[in-house]
Amino acid sequence: MLEILKLRIAKRGIDVACLEVKDPEINLARAKQLAILKQGIDADTGRKVSKLIKESKLKVQAQIQGEKVRIVGKKRDDLQEAIAFLRKADVGMPLQFNNFRD
């Protein structure tokens, strides 16, 4: 059943790494396994992303806003460099980039 769930999630364009699977609970009549879909960035990951941006010496600023990290820069090229840097960095969670400056 877990493989079917992962296939369906991947088909909808959601990264499977966002899925947190708990241990199965088995009794005589049935089995149950909890799968939690993580949404947003927790505080530790947000601080890690913000720290990586500050250490990269790019001309952008990072702010933690709830479950999001907002990166602000004057030029489009600076933002593109920040996106490329974060894609290469191992944050431990898949990242999604929204509201890119036009």
C-alpha atoms as a PDB file:
ATOM      1  CA  MET A   1       0.000   0.000   0.000  1.00  0.00           C
ATOM      2  CA  LEU A   2       2.890   2.344   0.747  1.00  0.00           C
ATOM      3  CA  GLU A   3       4.261   1.936  -2.773  1.00  0.00           C
ATOM      4  CA  ILE A   4       0.854   2.794  -4.246  1.00  0.00           C
ATOM      5  CA  LEU A   5       0.671   5.912  -2.068  1.00  0.00           C
ATOM      6  CA  LYS A   6       4.160   7.008  -3.169  1.00  0.00           C
ATOM      7  CA  LEU A   7       3.238   6.470  -6.827  1.00  0.00           C
ATOM      8  CA  ARG A   8       0.061   8.562  -6.492  1.00  0.00           C
ATOM      9  CA  ILE A   9       1.891  11.355  -4.684  1.00  0.00           C
ATOM     10  CA  ALA A  10       4.639  11.417  -7.321  1.00  0.00           C
ATOM     11  CA  LYS A  11       2.001  11.537 -10.078  1.00  0.00           C
ATOM     12  CA  ARG A  12       0.542  14.685  -8.533  1.00  0.00           C
ATOM     13  CA  GLY A  13       3.937  16.403  -8.631  1.00  0.00           C
ATOM     14  CA  ILE A  14       4.667  16.192  -4.903  1.00  0.00           C
ATOM     15  CA  ASP A  15       8.146  15.101  -3.862  1.00  0.00           C
ATOM     16  CA  VAL A  16       8.094  11.772  -2.028  1.00  0.00           C
ATOM     17  CA  ALA A  17      10.716  13.087   0.436  1.00  0.00           C
ATOM     18  CA  CYS A  18       7.927  15.197   2.003  1.00  0.00           C
ATOM     19  CA  LEU A  19       6.277  12.013   3.208  1.00  0.00           C
ATOM     20  CA  GLU A  20       7.068  10.922   6.772  1.00  0.00           C
ATOM     21  CA  VAL A  21       6.163   7.265   7.304  1.00  0.00           C
ATOM     22  CA  LYS A  22       5.643   5.918  10.826  1.00  0.00           C
ATOM     23  CA  ASP A  23       6.021   2.313  11.956  1.00  0.00           C
ATOM     24  CA  PRO A  24       3.087  -0.017  11.180  1.00  0.00           C
ATOM     25  CA  GLU A  25       0.692  -0.995  13.963  1.00  0.00           C
ATOM     26  CA  ILE A  26      -0.324  -4.632  13.491  1.00  0.00           C
ATOM     27  CA  ASN A  27      -2.954  -6.618  15.386  1.00  0.00           C
ATOM     28  CA  LEU A  28      -4.870  -9.802  14.553  1.00  0.00           C
ATOM     29  CA  ALA A  29      -7.667  -8.175  12.557  1.00  0.00           C
ATOM     30  CA  ARG A  30      -5.888  -5.378  10.667  1.00  0.00           C
ATOM     31  CA  ALA A  31      -2.730  -3.367  10.132  1.00  0.00           C
ATOM     32  CA  LYS A  32      -2.412   0.403  10.183  1.00  0.00           C
ATOM     33  CA  GLN A  33       0.484   2.659   9.176  1.00  0.00           C
ATOM     34  CA  LEU A  34       0.523   6.424   9.561  1.00  0.00           C
ATOM     35  CA  ALA A  35       1.974   8.538   6.724  1.00  0.00           C
ATOM     36  CA  ILE A  36       2.284  12.278   7.335  1.00  0.00           C
ATOM     37  CA  LEU A  37       2.707  14.753   4.483  1.00  0.00           C
ATOM     38  CA  LYS A  38       4.994  17.582   5.627  1.00  0.00           C
ATOM     39  CA  GLN A  39       4.045  21.075   4.522  1.00  0.00           C
ATOM     40  CA  GLY A  40       6.259  24.100   4.975  1.00  0.00           C
ATOM     41  CA  ILE A  41       9.679  24.358   6.566  1.00  0.00           C
ATOM     42  CA  ASP A  42      10.163  23.766  10.278  1.00  0.00           C
ATOM     43  CA  ALA A  43      12.132  26.298  12.340  1.00  0.00           C
ATOM     44  CA  ASP A  44      15.401  24.343  12.324  1.00  0.00           C
ATOM     45  CA  THR A  45      15.427  23.907   8.547  1.00  0.00           C
ATOM     46  CA  GLY A  46      14.508  27.581   8.094  1.00  0.00           C
ATOM     47  CA  ARG A  47      17.455  28.644  10.240  1.00  0.00           C
ATOM     48  CA  LYS A  48      19.718  26.286   8.289  1.00  0.00           C
ATOM     49  CA  VAL A  49      18.621  27.772   4.929  1.00  0.00           C
ATOM     50  CA  SER A  50      19.019  31.321   6.248  1.00  0.00           C
ATOM     51  CA  LYS A  51      22.493  30.523   7.583  1.00  0.00           C
ATOM     52  CA  LEU A  52      23.552  28.945   4.266  1.00  0.00           C
ATOM     53  CA  ILE A  53      22.434  32.059   2.360  1.00  0.00           C
ATOM     54  CA  LYS A  54      24.327  34.391   4.710  1.00  0.00           C
ATOM     55  CA  GLU A  55      27.492  32.271   4.491  1.00  0.00           C
ATOM     56  CA  SER A  56      27.348  32.165   0.691  1.00  0.00           C
ATOM     57  CA  LYS A  57      28.208  35.908   0.463  1.00  0.00           C
ATOM     58  CA  LEU A  58      25.503  36.476  -2.149  1.00  0.00           C
ATOM     59  CA  LYS A  59      23.900  39.914  -2.320  1.00  0.00           C
ATOM     60  CA  VAL A  60      20.566  38.695  -0.954  1.00  0.00           C
ATOM     61  CA  GLN A  61      18.881  38.673   2.443  1.00  0.00           C
ATOM     62  CA  ALA A  62      16.945  35.751   3.921  1.00  0.00           C
ATOM     63  CA  GLN A  63      14.008  36.130   6.305  1.00  0.00           C
ATOM     64  CA  ILE A  64      12.052  33.385   8.044  1.00  0.00           C
ATOM     65  CA  GLN A  65       8.304  34.018   7.730  1.00  0.00           C
ATOM     66  CA  GLY A  66       6.388  31.272   9.487  1.00  0.00           C
ATOM     67  CA  GLU A  67       6.730  28.138   7.387  1.00  0.00           C
ATOM     68  CA  LYS A  68       8.545  29.938   4.551  1.00  0.00           C
ATOM     69  CA  VAL A  69      11.933  31.511   3.991  1.00  0.00           C
ATOM     70  CA  ARG A  70      11.793  34.695   1.959  1.00  0.00           C
ATOM     71  CA  ILE A  71      14.888  35.710   0.030  1.00  0.00           C
ATOM     72  CA  VAL A  72      15.096  39.309  -1.164  1.00  0.00           C
ATOM     73  CA  GLY A  73      17.608  40.725  -3.629  1.00  0.00           C
ATOM     74  CA  LYS A  74      17.911  43.751  -5.893  1.00  0.00           C
ATOM     75  CA  LYS A  75      18.762  41.904  -9.098  1.00  0.00           C
ATOM     76  CA  ARG A  76      17.200  38.927 -10.789  1.00  0.00           C
ATOM     77  CA  ASP A  77      20.650  37.374 -11.287  1.00  0.00           C
ATOM     78  CA  ASP A  78      21.285  37.423  -7.525  1.00  0.00           C
ATOM     79  CA  LEU A  79      18.033  35.553  -6.911  1.00  0.00           C
ATOM     80  CA  GLN A  80      18.874  33.005  -9.609  1.00  0.00           C
ATOM     81  CA  GLU A  81      22.276  32.418  -7.994  1.00  0.00           C
ATOM     82  CA  ALA A  82      20.593  31.907  -4.618  1.00  0.00           C
ATOM     83  CA  ILE A  83      18.167  29.373  -6.117  1.00  0.00           C
ATOM     84  CA  ALA A  84      21.028  27.481  -7.795  1.00  0.00           C
ATOM     85  CA  PHE A  85      23.011  27.534  -4.537  1.00  0.00           C
ATOM     86  CA  LEU A  86      20.082  26.134  -2.518  1.00  0.00           C
ATOM     87  CA  ARG A  87      19.408  23.401  -5.078  1.00  0.00           C
ATOM     88  CA  LYS A  88      23.019  22.210  -4.726  1.00  0.00           C
ATOM     89  CA  ALA A  89      23.004  22.458  -0.918  1.00  0.00           C
ATOM     90  CA  ASP A  90      21.783  19.525   1.141  1.00  0.00           C
ATOM     91  CA  VAL A  91      18.985  20.988   3.251  1.00  0.00           C
ATOM     92  CA  GLY A  92      17.372  17.667   4.106  1.00  0.00           C
ATOM     93  CA  MET A  93      14.028  18.632   2.617  1.00  0.00           C
ATOM     94  CA  PRO A  94      12.859  19.316  -0.945  1.00  0.00           C
ATOM     95  CA  LEU A  95      12.534  23.032  -1.636  1.00  0.00           C
ATOM     96  CA  GLN A  96       9.960  24.872  -3.717  1.00  0.00           C
ATOM     97  CA  PHE A  97      10.555  28.344  -5.132  1.00  0.00           C
ATOM     98  CA  ASN A  98       7.591  30.716  -5.524  1.00  0.00           C
ATOM     99  CA  ASN A  99       6.927  34.326  -6.500  1.00  0.00           C
ATOM    100  CA  PHE A 100      10.096  34.889  -8.521  1.00  0.00           C
ATOM    101  CA  ARG A 101      10.709  38.576  -9.310  1.00  0.00           C
ATOM    102  CA  ASP A 102       9.844  39.608 -12.888  1.00  0.00           C
END
